[in-house]
Amino acid sequence: MPDLLKEIEAGKIAPVYYLCGERFPLDRAVQAIRQAVLGGDGSAFNYDALQASEHPVETIIAAARTMPMLGPKRLVQARDMHLLAAAELSKLLPYVKDPSPSSCLLMIADKADLRLKIFSEIKKCGVVQRFDPLKERQVPDWLASEARRMKITLKPGAAERIAEAVGTDMGQLASALERLGLYAGAGKPVTPAHVDDLLAQTRQHSIFELTNAVGRGERREALLVLRRMLQDKEPGVRIVVMLARHLRQLWWARELQEQGEQQAAIASRVGIHPFFVQDVLRQAQRFDGTMLRRTHRALFEADRSLKSSRLSDAVVLEQLVLELCPARSA
């Protein structure tokens, strides 16, 4: 990613880009390309924003073949390219082999099958970049690189503390860095104590991340959040209490919906903000009566084990999450 940004910022603009993957670095690259191609002038005339779900490939190609007006280059941005079948993508081959020198075709997607011929052809004249999510072990190095970009100095231990508090989401990590730089003061280094002072509230949100991940059946995400909470010394019994509360809310919301209650009434009676009621109802659909009874039994056993067993909190709670989020069949 840094190499791509450096090339763009140096004015080395490829005629064709295909970017996919994680939103934060992808959006940053898109913004850099747009600034480099259009600058502050001519964007109204030389910028097309298209959707692959709404515009055929022929329209995208025609836009890229159009000559720029009142500026040196056009930018044609086409989102949701992952929605196109391989046969549709192949229609881009003639253009990719002979792209317009006065246009930049920027294709954006959630994912890409890089085995397809179209991508090997794009690489010959342009850029194919997939932005992968960060792994936990990569976060401190990523933070150090991002801090250098922001001209923020991190004292030893600060990057690790930020990683523990925030997780692996690049957007949230960048936002935390920016806030910490302001909190520490211009030109002053960010210390582990600054992280503890400013990001303590972030850790408080972890319990809600865990309950929602369990409610959605997102096993991997739930385990990641749980491990981060245990590293932050969150009491195991409190985790079980909050999970039990959330599952009771799901059970009650499901029953009220089946009785024909409107969403506003469900939110009021269950005790949740109306903004979250749709998500709660979606989560509730995953739990039928049998599964809800099984989850409450699992919570009871976990609570008893935490108070009387010699097993560690981590072992008990990880087993609980595995029971609450059964592996999905292939």
C-alpha atoms as a PDB file:
ATOM      1  CA  MET A   1       0.000   0.000   0.000  1.00  0.00           C
ATOM      2  CA  PRO A   2       2.674   2.612   0.843  1.00  0.00           C
ATOM      3  CA  ASP A   3       4.397   1.964  -2.528  1.00  0.00           C
ATOM      4  CA  LEU A   4       1.113   2.435  -4.406  1.00  0.00           C
ATOM      5  CA  LEU A   5       0.387   5.701  -2.613  1.00  0.00           C
ATOM      6  CA  LYS A   6       3.920   6.954  -3.240  1.00  0.00           C
ATOM      7  CA  GLU A   7       3.571   6.256  -6.953  1.00  0.00           C
ATOM      8  CA  ILE A   8       0.216   8.024  -7.126  1.00  0.00           C
ATOM      9  CA  GLU A   9       1.427  11.022  -5.125  1.00  0.00           C
ATOM     10  CA  ALA A  10       4.472  11.221  -7.401  1.00  0.00           C
ATOM     11  CA  GLY A  11       2.129  11.560 -10.368  1.00  0.00           C
ATOM     12  CA  LYS A  12       2.713   8.063 -11.754  1.00  0.00           C
ATOM     13  CA  ILE A  13      -0.877   7.316 -12.739  1.00  0.00           C
ATOM     14  CA  ALA A  14      -1.654   4.010 -14.455  1.00  0.00           C
ATOM     15  CA  PRO A  15      -4.336   3.945 -17.176  1.00  0.00           C
ATOM     16  CA  VAL A  16      -6.191   1.102 -15.441  1.00  0.00           C
ATOM     17  CA  TYR A  17      -6.635   0.158 -11.763  1.00  0.00           C
ATOM     18  CA  TYR A  18      -8.536  -2.718 -10.175  1.00  0.00           C
ATOM     19  CA  LEU A  19      -8.697  -2.284  -6.401  1.00  0.00           C
ATOM     20  CA  CYS A  20     -10.472  -4.605  -3.997  1.00  0.00           C
ATOM     21  CA  GLY A  21     -10.553  -5.691  -0.364  1.00  0.00           C
ATOM     22  CA  GLU A  22     -10.473  -3.752   2.902  1.00  0.00           C
ATOM     23  CA  ARG A  23     -12.312  -0.461   2.727  1.00  0.00           C
ATOM     24  CA  PHE A  24      -9.950   1.849   4.631  1.00  0.00           C
ATOM     25  CA  PRO A  25      -6.790   1.438   2.508  1.00  0.00           C
ATOM     26  CA  LEU A  26      -8.902   1.052  -0.629  1.00  0.00           C
ATOM     27  CA  ASP A  27     -10.760   4.317  -0.038  1.00  0.00           C
ATOM     28  CA  ARG A  28      -7.486   6.076   0.698  1.00  0.00           C
ATOM     29  CA  ALA A  29      -6.049   4.876  -2.616  1.00  0.00           C
ATOM     30  CA  VAL A  30      -9.199   5.915  -4.478  1.00  0.00           C
ATOM     31  CA  GLN A  31      -9.022   9.409  -2.998  1.00  0.00           C
ATOM     32  CA  ALA A  32      -5.348   9.709  -3.911  1.00  0.00           C
ATOM     33  CA  ILE A  33      -6.026   8.634  -7.507  1.00  0.00           C
ATOM     34  CA  ARG A  34      -8.888  11.081  -7.844  1.00  0.00           C
ATOM     35  CA  GLN A  35      -6.775  13.933  -6.507  1.00  0.00           C
ATOM     36  CA  ALA A  36      -3.858  13.052  -8.781  1.00  0.00           C
ATOM     37  CA  VAL A  37      -5.999  12.719 -11.920  1.00  0.00           C
ATOM     38  CA  LEU A  38      -8.435  15.578 -11.442  1.00  0.00           C
ATOM     39  CA  GLY A  39      -6.756  17.921  -8.971  1.00  0.00           C
ATOM     40  CA  GLY A  40      -9.003  20.815  -8.099  1.00  0.00           C
ATOM     41  CA  ASP A  41     -10.179  21.607 -11.621  1.00  0.00           C
ATOM     42  CA  GLY A  42     -12.386  20.031 -14.212  1.00  0.00           C
ATOM     43  CA  SER A  43     -13.882  17.266 -12.086  1.00  0.00           C
ATOM     44  CA  ALA A  44     -17.413  18.094 -13.167  1.00  0.00           C
ATOM     45  CA  PHE A  45     -16.485  17.557 -16.797  1.00  0.00           C
ATOM     46  CA  ASN A  46     -13.937  14.765 -16.494  1.00  0.00           C
ATOM     47  CA  TYR A  47     -15.302  12.484 -13.783  1.00  0.00           C
ATOM     48  CA  ASP A  48     -17.758   9.622 -14.272  1.00  0.00           C
ATOM     49  CA  ALA A  49     -18.971   7.575 -11.286  1.00  0.00           C
ATOM     50  CA  LEU A  50     -20.603   4.355 -12.502  1.00  0.00           C
ATOM     51  CA  GLN A  51     -21.992   1.213 -10.866  1.00  0.00           C
ATOM     52  CA  ALA A  52     -21.363  -2.179 -12.456  1.00  0.00           C
ATOM     53  CA  SER A  53     -24.772  -3.269 -11.175  1.00  0.00           C
ATOM     54  CA  GLU A  54     -26.465  -0.465 -13.127  1.00  0.00           C
ATOM     55  CA  HIS A  55     -24.214   0.188 -16.125  1.00  0.00           C
ATOM     56  CA  PRO A  56     -23.149  -2.429 -18.689  1.00  0.00           C
ATOM     57  CA  VAL A  57     -19.471  -2.947 -19.431  1.00  0.00           C
ATOM     58  CA  GLU A  58     -19.959  -1.238 -22.787  1.00  0.00           C
ATOM     59  CA  THR A  59     -20.990   1.968 -21.003  1.00  0.00           C
ATOM     60  CA  ILE A  60     -17.902   1.849 -18.787  1.00  0.00           C
ATOM     61  CA  ILE A  61     -15.664   1.398 -21.838  1.00  0.00           C
ATOM     62  CA  ALA A  62     -17.401   4.195 -23.739  1.00  0.00           C
ATOM     63  CA  ALA A  63     -16.872   6.553 -20.796  1.00  0.00           C
ATOM     64  CA  ALA A  64     -13.176   5.642 -20.673  1.00  0.00           C
ATOM     65  CA  ARG A  65     -12.856   6.259 -24.432  1.00  0.00           C
ATOM     66  CA  THR A  66     -14.389   9.727 -24.150  1.00  0.00           C
ATOM     67  CA  MET A  67     -11.928  12.599 -24.548  1.00  0.00           C
ATOM     68  CA  PRO A  68     -11.420  14.922 -21.552  1.00  0.00           C
ATOM     69  CA  MET A  69     -12.813  18.463 -21.488  1.00  0.00           C
ATOM     70  CA  LEU A  70     -10.982  21.457 -20.015  1.00  0.00           C
ATOM     71  CA  GLY A  71      -8.373  19.196 -18.479  1.00  0.00           C
ATOM     72  CA  PRO A  72      -5.644  16.706 -19.398  1.00  0.00           C
ATOM     73  CA  LYS A  73      -7.319  13.509 -18.136  1.00  0.00           C
ATOM     74  CA  ARG A  74     -10.638  11.844 -17.385  1.00  0.00           C
ATOM     75  CA  LEU A  75     -11.315   9.610 -14.378  1.00  0.00           C
ATOM     76  CA  VAL A  76     -13.883   6.834 -14.886  1.00  0.00           C
ATOM     77  CA  GLN A  77     -14.699   5.146 -11.601  1.00  0.00           C
ATOM     78  CA  ALA A  78     -16.682   1.891 -11.708  1.00  0.00           C
ATOM     79  CA  ARG A  79     -17.754   0.360  -8.401  1.00  0.00           C
ATOM     80  CA  ASP A  80     -19.085  -3.130  -7.537  1.00  0.00           C
ATOM     81  CA  MET A  81     -17.057  -4.823 -10.252  1.00  0.00           C
ATOM     82  CA  HIS A  82     -17.152  -8.059  -8.250  1.00  0.00           C
ATOM     83  CA  LEU A  83     -20.829  -8.372  -9.243  1.00  0.00           C
ATOM     84  CA  LEU A  84     -19.866  -9.020 -12.861  1.00  0.00           C
ATOM     85  CA  ALA A  85     -19.529 -12.597 -14.106  1.00  0.00           C
ATOM     86  CA  ALA A  86     -16.257 -13.668 -15.697  1.00  0.00           C
ATOM     87  CA  ALA A  87     -17.816 -13.433 -19.165  1.00  0.00           C
ATOM     88  CA  GLU A  88     -18.790  -9.806 -18.542  1.00  0.00           C
ATOM     89  CA  LEU A  89     -15.366  -8.911 -17.183  1.00  0.00           C
ATOM     90  CA  SER A  90     -13.756 -10.431 -20.280  1.00  0.00           C
ATOM     91  CA  LYS A  91     -15.472  -7.753 -22.381  1.00  0.00           C
ATOM     92  CA  LEU A  92     -12.935  -5.330 -20.902  1.00  0.00           C
ATOM     93  CA  LEU A  93     -10.022  -7.169 -22.494  1.00  0.00           C
ATOM     94  CA  PRO A  94      -9.903  -5.108 -25.734  1.00  0.00           C
ATOM     95  CA  TYR A  95      -9.859  -1.875 -23.735  1.00  0.00           C
ATOM     96  CA  VAL A  96      -7.275  -3.127 -21.233  1.00  0.00           C
ATOM     97  CA  LYS A  97      -4.983  -4.144 -24.091  1.00  0.00           C
ATOM     98  CA  ASP A  98      -5.277  -0.672 -25.619  1.00  0.00           C
ATOM     99  CA  PRO A  99      -6.362   1.803 -22.922  1.00  0.00           C
ATOM    100  CA  SER A 100      -6.996   5.448 -23.628  1.00  0.00           C
ATOM    101  CA  PRO A 101      -3.896   7.529 -22.780  1.00  0.00           C
ATOM    102  CA  SER A 102      -6.124  10.411 -21.667  1.00  0.00           C
ATOM    103  CA  SER A 103      -8.256   8.402 -19.203  1.00  0.00           C
ATOM    104  CA  CYS A 104      -7.793   6.576 -15.937  1.00  0.00           C
ATOM    105  CA  LEU A 105     -10.191   3.661 -15.506  1.00  0.00           C
ATOM    106  CA  LEU A 106     -10.554   2.924 -11.795  1.00  0.00           C
ATOM    107  CA  MET A 107     -12.432  -0.286 -10.990  1.00  0.00           C
ATOM    108  CA  ILE A 108     -13.434  -0.965  -7.377  1.00  0.00           C
ATOM    109  CA  ALA A 109     -14.648  -4.273  -5.945  1.00  0.00           C
ATOM    110  CA  ASP A 110     -15.076  -6.247  -2.760  1.00  0.00           C
ATOM    111  CA  LYS A 111     -13.077  -9.168  -4.125  1.00  0.00           C
ATOM    112  CA  ALA A 112     -11.436 -10.587  -7.260  1.00  0.00           C
ATOM    113  CA  ASP A 113     -10.686 -13.995  -8.742  1.00  0.00           C
ATOM    114  CA  LEU A 114      -7.105 -13.199  -9.696  1.00  0.00           C
ATOM    115  CA  ARG A 115      -6.860 -16.369 -11.801  1.00  0.00           C
ATOM    116  CA  LEU A 116      -8.952 -14.759 -14.536  1.00  0.00           C
ATOM    117  CA  LYS A 117      -7.124 -13.602 -17.659  1.00  0.00           C
ATOM    118  CA  ILE A 118      -8.429 -10.047 -17.324  1.00  0.00           C
ATOM    119  CA  PHE A 119      -6.266  -9.481 -14.241  1.00  0.00           C
ATOM    120  CA  SER A 120      -3.046 -10.667 -15.832  1.00  0.00           C
ATOM    121  CA  GLU A 121      -3.791  -8.266 -18.700  1.00  0.00           C
ATOM    122  CA  ILE A 122      -4.504  -5.363 -16.347  1.00  0.00           C
ATOM    123  CA  LYS A 123      -1.149  -5.956 -14.630  1.00  0.00           C
ATOM    124  CA  LYS A 124       0.622  -5.443 -17.963  1.00  0.00           C
ATOM    125  CA  CYS A 125      -0.603  -1.865 -18.308  1.00  0.00           C
ATOM    126  CA  GLY A 126      -1.888  -0.964 -14.877  1.00  0.00           C
ATOM    127  CA  VAL A 127      -2.379  -2.040 -11.279  1.00  0.00           C
ATOM    128  CA  VAL A 128      -4.281  -4.851  -9.582  1.00  0.00           C
ATOM    129  CA  GLN A 129      -4.246  -4.357  -5.813  1.00  0.00           C
ATOM    130  CA  ARG A 130      -6.017  -6.453  -3.196  1.00  0.00           C
ATOM    131  CA  PHE A 131      -6.006  -4.943   0.282  1.00  0.00           C
ATOM    132  CA  ASP A 132      -5.986  -7.732   2.849  1.00  0.00           C
ATOM    133  CA  PRO A 133      -7.181  -7.283   6.453  1.00  0.00           C
ATOM    134  CA  LEU A 134      -4.536  -6.904   9.113  1.00  0.00           C
ATOM    135  CA  LYS A 135      -3.552  -9.891  11.209  1.00  0.00           C
ATOM    136  CA  GLU A 136      -3.084  -9.243  14.911  1.00  0.00           C
ATOM    137  CA  ARG A 137       0.686  -9.658  14.692  1.00  0.00           C
ATOM    138  CA  GLN A 138       0.829  -7.027  11.918  1.00  0.00           C
ATOM    139  CA  VAL A 139      -0.952  -4.266  13.836  1.00  0.00           C
ATOM    140  CA  PRO A 140       2.034  -2.765  15.736  1.00  0.00           C
ATOM    141  CA  ASP A 141       4.126  -2.470  12.544  1.00  0.00           C
ATOM    142  CA  TRP A 142       1.171  -0.979  10.665  1.00  0.00           C
ATOM    143  CA  LEU A 143       0.647   1.531  13.466  1.00  0.00           C
ATOM    144  CA  ALA A 144       4.328   2.480  13.401  1.00  0.00           C
ATOM    145  CA  SER A 145       4.152   3.095   9.644  1.00  0.00           C
ATOM    146  CA  GLU A 146       0.916   5.068   9.924  1.00  0.00           C
ATOM    147  CA  ALA A 147       2.329   7.124  12.789  1.00  0.00           C
ATOM    148  CA  ARG A 148       5.322   8.089  10.637  1.00  0.00           C
ATOM    149  CA  ARG A 149       2.931   9.176   7.885  1.00  0.00           C
ATOM    150  CA  MET A 150       1.031  11.334  10.394  1.00  0.00           C
ATOM    151  CA  LYS A 151       4.326  12.614  11.880  1.00  0.00           C
ATOM    152  CA  ILE A 152       3.389  11.174  15.277  1.00  0.00           C
ATOM    153  CA  THR A 153       6.032   9.666  17.564  1.00  0.00           C
ATOM    154  CA  LEU A 154       5.040   6.522  19.465  1.00  0.00           C
ATOM    155  CA  LYS A 155       6.889   5.696  22.657  1.00  0.00           C
ATOM    156  CA  PRO A 156       7.823   2.015  23.209  1.00  0.00           C
ATOM    157  CA  GLY A 157       4.754  -0.005  24.143  1.00  0.00           C
ATOM    158  CA  ALA A 158       2.244   2.521  22.795  1.00  0.00           C
ATOM    159  CA  ALA A 159       1.586   0.689  19.510  1.00  0.00           C
ATOM    160  CA  GLU A 160       0.985  -2.593  21.349  1.00  0.00           C
ATOM    161  CA  ARG A 161      -1.394  -0.867  23.775  1.00  0.00           C
ATOM    162  CA  ILE A 162      -3.345   0.695  20.899  1.00  0.00           C
ATOM    163  CA  ALA A 163      -3.608  -2.708  19.232  1.00  0.00           C
ATOM    164  CA  GLU A 164      -4.969  -4.241  22.420  1.00  0.00           C
ATOM    165  CA  ALA A 165      -7.539  -1.482  22.840  1.00  0.00           C
ATOM    166  CA  VAL A 166      -8.761  -1.146  19.249  1.00  0.00           C
ATOM    167  CA  GLY A 167      -8.154  -4.436  17.432  1.00  0.00           C
ATOM    168  CA  THR A 168      -7.318  -4.883  13.748  1.00  0.00           C
ATOM    169  CA  ASP A 169      -9.682  -2.467  11.983  1.00  0.00           C
ATOM    170  CA  MET A 170      -7.428  -0.070  10.039  1.00  0.00           C
ATOM    171  CA  GLY A 171      -9.946   2.760   9.984  1.00  0.00           C
ATOM    172  CA  GLN A 172     -10.405   2.661  13.756  1.00  0.00           C
ATOM    173  CA  LEU A 173      -6.657   2.342  14.302  1.00  0.00           C
ATOM    174  CA  ALA A 174      -5.954   5.405  12.142  1.00  0.00           C
ATOM    175  CA  SER A 175      -8.668   7.360  13.938  1.00  0.00           C
ATOM    176  CA  ALA A 176      -7.221   6.354  17.323  1.00  0.00           C
ATOM    177  CA  LEU A 177      -3.758   7.510  16.222  1.00  0.00           C
ATOM    178  CA  GLU A 178      -5.087  10.866  15.088  1.00  0.00           C
ATOM    179  CA  ARG A 179      -6.921  11.411  18.370  1.00  0.00           C
ATOM    180  CA  LEU A 180      -3.878  10.345  20.385  1.00  0.00           C
ATOM    181  CA  GLY A 181      -1.669  12.780  18.478  1.00  0.00           C
ATOM    182  CA  LEU A 182      -4.024  15.634  19.363  1.00  0.00           C
ATOM    183  CA  TYR A 183      -4.325  14.410  22.966  1.00  0.00           C
ATOM    184  CA  ALA A 184      -0.555  14.234  23.486  1.00  0.00           C
ATOM    185  CA  GLY A 185      -0.048  17.669  21.936  1.00  0.00           C
ATOM    186  CA  ALA A 186       1.799  18.963  18.890  1.00  0.00           C
ATOM    187  CA  GLY A 187       5.299  17.528  18.648  1.00  0.00           C
ATOM    188  CA  LYS A 188       4.966  15.440  21.787  1.00  0.00           C
ATOM    189  CA  PRO A 189       5.254  11.628  21.738  1.00  0.00           C
ATOM    190  CA  VAL A 190       2.311   9.341  22.431  1.00  0.00           C
ATOM    191  CA  THR A 191       2.945   7.183  25.508  1.00  0.00           C
ATOM    192  CA  PRO A 192       1.228   4.013  26.776  1.00  0.00           C
ATOM    193  CA  ALA A 193      -0.326   6.184  29.510  1.00  0.00           C
ATOM    194  CA  HIS A 194      -1.933   8.413  26.844  1.00  0.00           C
ATOM    195  CA  VAL A 195      -3.410   5.311  25.233  1.00  0.00           C
ATOM    196  CA  ASP A 196      -4.838   4.111  28.535  1.00  0.00           C
ATOM    197  CA  ASP A 197      -6.320   7.540  29.285  1.00  0.00           C
ATOM    198  CA  LEU A 198      -7.912   8.137  25.892  1.00  0.00           C
ATOM    199  CA  LEU A 199      -8.919   4.671  24.729  1.00  0.00           C
ATOM    200  CA  ALA A 200     -10.330   3.282  27.949  1.00  0.00           C
ATOM    201  CA  GLN A 201     -13.828   3.886  26.593  1.00  0.00           C
ATOM    202  CA  THR A 202     -12.986   1.869  23.472  1.00  0.00           C
ATOM    203  CA  ARG A 203     -12.533  -1.205  25.643  1.00  0.00           C
ATOM    204  CA  GLN A 204     -15.963  -0.615  27.159  1.00  0.00           C
ATOM    205  CA  HIS A 205     -17.463  -1.153  23.714  1.00  0.00           C
ATOM    206  CA  SER A 206     -15.912  -4.621  23.491  1.00  0.00           C
ATOM    207  CA  ILE A 207     -18.723  -6.280  25.397  1.00  0.00           C
ATOM    208  CA  PHE A 208     -21.219  -4.978  22.845  1.00  0.00           C
ATOM    209  CA  GLU A 209     -18.991  -6.157  19.999  1.00  0.00           C
ATOM    210  CA  LEU A 210     -18.945  -9.600  21.616  1.00  0.00           C
ATOM    211  CA  THR A 211     -22.684  -9.838  22.204  1.00  0.00           C
ATOM    212  CA  ASN A 212     -23.445  -8.737  18.651  1.00  0.00           C
ATOM    213  CA  ALA A 213     -20.908 -11.161  17.155  1.00  0.00           C
ATOM    214  CA  VAL A 214     -22.462 -14.003  19.149  1.00  0.00           C
ATOM    215  CA  GLY A 215     -25.944 -12.876  18.166  1.00  0.00           C
ATOM    216  CA  ARG A 216     -24.955 -12.999  14.491  1.00  0.00           C
ATOM    217  CA  GLY A 217     -23.195 -16.337  14.858  1.00  0.00           C
ATOM    218  CA  GLU A 218     -19.829 -14.841  13.834  1.00  0.00           C
ATOM    219  CA  ARG A 219     -17.615 -17.374  15.598  1.00  0.00           C
ATOM    220  CA  ARG A 220     -14.210 -16.008  14.526  1.00  0.00           C
ATOM    221  CA  GLU A 221     -15.085 -12.387  15.325  1.00  0.00           C
ATOM    222  CA  ALA A 222     -16.550 -13.377  18.712  1.00  0.00           C
ATOM    223  CA  LEU A 223     -13.386 -15.294  19.648  1.00  0.00           C
ATOM    224  CA  LEU A 224     -11.160 -12.377  18.601  1.00  0.00           C
ATOM    225  CA  VAL A 225     -13.159  -9.895  20.693  1.00  0.00           C
ATOM    226  CA  LEU A 226     -13.274 -12.312  23.648  1.00  0.00           C
ATOM    227  CA  ARG A 227      -9.497 -12.790  23.629  1.00  0.00           C
ATOM    228  CA  ARG A 228      -8.965  -9.035  23.516  1.00  0.00           C
ATOM    229  CA  MET A 229     -11.318  -8.594  26.471  1.00  0.00           C
ATOM    230  CA  LEU A 230      -9.517 -11.259  28.482  1.00  0.00           C
ATOM    231  CA  GLN A 231      -6.195  -9.549  27.747  1.00  0.00           C
ATOM    232  CA  ASP A 232      -7.773  -6.362  29.128  1.00  0.00           C
ATOM    233  CA  LYS A 233      -8.638  -8.280  32.331  1.00  0.00           C
ATOM    234  CA  GLU A 234     -12.400  -8.146  31.771  1.00  0.00           C
ATOM    235  CA  PRO A 235     -14.020 -10.333  34.487  1.00  0.00           C
ATOM    236  CA  GLY A 236     -15.321 -13.618  33.091  1.00  0.00           C
ATOM    237  CA  VAL A 237     -18.508 -13.557  35.158  1.00  0.00           C
ATOM    238  CA  ARG A 238     -19.415 -10.102  33.790  1.00  0.00           C
ATOM    239  CA  ILE A 239     -18.953 -11.378  30.248  1.00  0.00           C
ATOM    240  CA  VAL A 240     -21.382 -14.226  30.917  1.00  0.00           C
ATOM    241  CA  VAL A 241     -23.901 -11.862  32.523  1.00  0.00           C
ATOM    242  CA  MET A 242     -23.862  -9.529  29.507  1.00  0.00           C
ATOM    243  CA  LEU A 243     -24.156 -12.427  27.050  1.00  0.00           C
ATOM    244  CA  ALA A 244     -27.113 -13.808  29.000  1.00  0.00           C
ATOM    245  CA  ARG A 245     -28.778 -10.362  28.991  1.00  0.00           C
ATOM    246  CA  HIS A 246     -28.317 -10.022  25.238  1.00  0.00           C
ATOM    247  CA  LEU A 247     -29.725 -13.470  24.521  1.00  0.00           C
ATOM    248  CA  ARG A 248     -32.746 -12.783  26.744  1.00  0.00           C
ATOM    249  CA  GLN A 249     -33.358  -9.645  24.682  1.00  0.00           C
ATOM    250  CA  LEU A 250     -33.175 -11.694  21.470  1.00  0.00           C
ATOM    251  CA  TRP A 251     -35.632 -14.256  22.827  1.00  0.00           C
ATOM    252  CA  TRP A 252     -38.069 -11.566  23.946  1.00  0.00           C
ATOM    253  CA  ALA A 253     -37.750  -9.607  20.680  1.00  0.00           C
ATOM    254  CA  ARG A 254     -38.449 -12.746  18.639  1.00  0.00           C
ATOM    255  CA  GLU A 255     -41.570 -13.551  20.681  1.00  0.00           C
ATOM    256  CA  LEU A 256     -42.894  -9.988  20.359  1.00  0.00           C
ATOM    257  CA  GLN A 257     -42.309  -9.989  16.607  1.00  0.00           C
ATOM    258  CA  GLU A 258     -44.175 -13.283  16.256  1.00  0.00           C
ATOM    259  CA  GLN A 259     -47.043 -11.715  18.205  1.00  0.00           C
ATOM    260  CA  GLY A 260     -47.236  -8.961  15.578  1.00  0.00           C
ATOM    261  CA  GLU A 261     -45.701  -6.107  17.579  1.00  0.00           C
ATOM    262  CA  GLN A 262     -44.275  -3.174  15.623  1.00  0.00           C
ATOM    263  CA  GLN A 263     -40.538  -2.443  15.792  1.00  0.00           C
ATOM    264  CA  ALA A 264     -40.960   0.704  17.873  1.00  0.00           C
ATOM    265  CA  ALA A 265     -42.970  -1.208  20.468  1.00  0.00           C
ATOM    266  CA  ILE A 266     -40.416  -4.045  20.503  1.00  0.00           C
ATOM    267  CA  ALA A 267     -37.572  -1.598  21.106  1.00  0.00           C
ATOM    268  CA  SER A 268     -39.451   0.045  23.974  1.00  0.00           C
ATOM    269  CA  ARG A 269     -40.457  -3.202  25.682  1.00  0.00           C
ATOM    270  CA  VAL A 270     -37.130  -5.001  25.250  1.00  0.00           C
ATOM    271  CA  GLY A 271     -35.124  -1.942  26.311  1.00  0.00           C
ATOM    272  CA  ILE A 272     -33.011  -1.271  23.234  1.00  0.00           C
ATOM    273  CA  HIS A 273     -32.505   1.861  21.158  1.00  0.00           C
ATOM    274  CA  PRO A 274     -34.829   1.948  18.110  1.00  0.00           C
ATOM    275  CA  PHE A 275     -31.761   2.384  15.870  1.00  0.00           C
ATOM    276  CA  PHE A 276     -30.586  -1.142  16.787  1.00  0.00           C
ATOM    277  CA  VAL A 277     -33.897  -2.972  16.698  1.00  0.00           C
ATOM    278  CA  GLN A 278     -33.586  -4.234  13.115  1.00  0.00           C
ATOM    279  CA  ASP A 279     -30.189  -5.777  13.832  1.00  0.00           C
ATOM    280  CA  VAL A 280     -31.534  -7.389  17.015  1.00  0.00           C
ATOM    281  CA  LEU A 281     -34.449  -8.874  15.105  1.00  0.00           C
ATOM    282  CA  ARG A 282     -32.096 -10.232  12.440  1.00  0.00           C
ATOM    283  CA  GLN A 283     -30.009 -11.835  15.151  1.00  0.00           C
ATOM    284  CA  ALA A 284     -33.128 -13.254  16.799  1.00  0.00           C
ATOM    285  CA  GLN A 285     -34.045 -15.141  13.632  1.00  0.00           C
ATOM    286  CA  ARG A 286     -30.975 -17.331  14.160  1.00  0.00           C
ATOM    287  CA  PHE A 287     -32.388 -18.642  17.417  1.00  0.00           C
ATOM    288  CA  ASP A 288     -35.369 -20.943  17.509  1.00  0.00           C
ATOM    289  CA  GLY A 289     -36.805 -22.120  20.815  1.00  0.00           C
ATOM    290  CA  THR A 290     -34.588 -25.184  21.007  1.00  0.00           C
ATOM    291  CA  MET A 291     -31.420 -23.228  20.325  1.00  0.00           C
ATOM    292  CA  LEU A 292     -32.296 -20.517  22.818  1.00  0.00           C
ATOM    293  CA  ARG A 293     -32.862 -23.109  25.551  1.00  0.00           C
ATOM    294  CA  ARG A 294     -29.526 -24.715  24.688  1.00  0.00           C
ATOM    295  CA  THR A 295     -27.693 -21.380  24.817  1.00  0.00           C
ATOM    296  CA  HIS A 296     -29.143 -20.520  28.209  1.00  0.00           C
ATOM    297  CA  ARG A 297     -28.060 -23.916  29.515  1.00  0.00           C
ATOM    298  CA  ALA A 298     -24.556 -23.275  28.150  1.00  0.00           C
ATOM    299  CA  LEU A 299     -24.476 -19.884  29.893  1.00  0.00           C
ATOM    300  CA  PHE A 300     -25.565 -21.472  33.183  1.00  0.00           C
ATOM    301  CA  GLU A 301     -22.804 -24.102  32.949  1.00  0.00           C
ATOM    302  CA  ALA A 302     -20.195 -21.466  32.077  1.00  0.00           C
ATOM    303  CA  ASP A 303     -21.217 -19.314  35.031  1.00  0.00           C
ATOM    304  CA  ARG A 304     -20.956 -22.307  37.369  1.00  0.00           C
ATOM    305  CA  SER A 305     -17.549 -23.304  35.972  1.00  0.00           C
ATOM    306  CA  LEU A 306     -16.177 -19.792  36.365  1.00  0.00           C
ATOM    307  CA  LYS A 307     -17.172 -19.790  40.045  1.00  0.00           C
ATOM    308  CA  SER A 308     -16.179 -23.342  40.975  1.00  0.00           C
ATOM    309  CA  SER A 309     -13.968 -24.990  38.342  1.00  0.00           C
ATOM    310  CA  ARG A 310     -10.174 -24.988  38.222  1.00  0.00           C
ATOM    311  CA  LEU A 311     -10.316 -24.284  34.480  1.00  0.00           C
ATOM    312  CA  SER A 312      -9.086 -20.859  33.410  1.00  0.00           C
ATOM    313  CA  ASP A 313     -11.586 -18.169  32.420  1.00  0.00           C
ATOM    314  CA  ALA A 314     -10.188 -18.288  28.885  1.00  0.00           C
ATOM    315  CA  VAL A 315     -10.892 -22.013  28.480  1.00  0.00           C
ATOM    316  CA  VAL A 316     -14.411 -21.740  29.896  1.00  0.00           C
ATOM    317  CA  LEU A 317     -15.383 -18.683  27.868  1.00  0.00           C
ATOM    318  CA  GLU A 318     -13.882 -19.874  24.578  1.00  0.00           C
ATOM    319  CA  GLN A 319     -15.828 -23.123  24.941  1.00  0.00           C
ATOM    320  CA  LEU A 320     -18.957 -21.067  25.636  1.00  0.00           C
ATOM    321  CA  VAL A 321     -18.486 -18.992  22.471  1.00  0.00           C
ATOM    322  CA  LEU A 322     -17.973 -22.169  20.426  1.00  0.00           C
ATOM    323  CA  GLU A 323     -21.271 -23.525  21.769  1.00  0.00           C
ATOM    324  CA  LEU A 324     -23.124 -20.253  21.158  1.00  0.00           C
ATOM    325  CA  CYS A 325     -21.709 -19.936  17.623  1.00  0.00           C
ATOM    326  CA  PRO A 326     -21.840 -23.420  16.090  1.00  0.00           C
ATOM    327  CA  ALA A 327     -19.614 -23.930  13.032  1.00  0.00           C
ATOM    328  CA  ARG A 328     -21.581 -23.268   9.880  1.00  0.00           C
ATOM    329  CA  SER A 329     -21.902 -26.147   7.489  1.00  0.00           C
ATOM    330  CA  ALA A 330     -20.137 -25.746   4.147  1.00  0.00           C
END
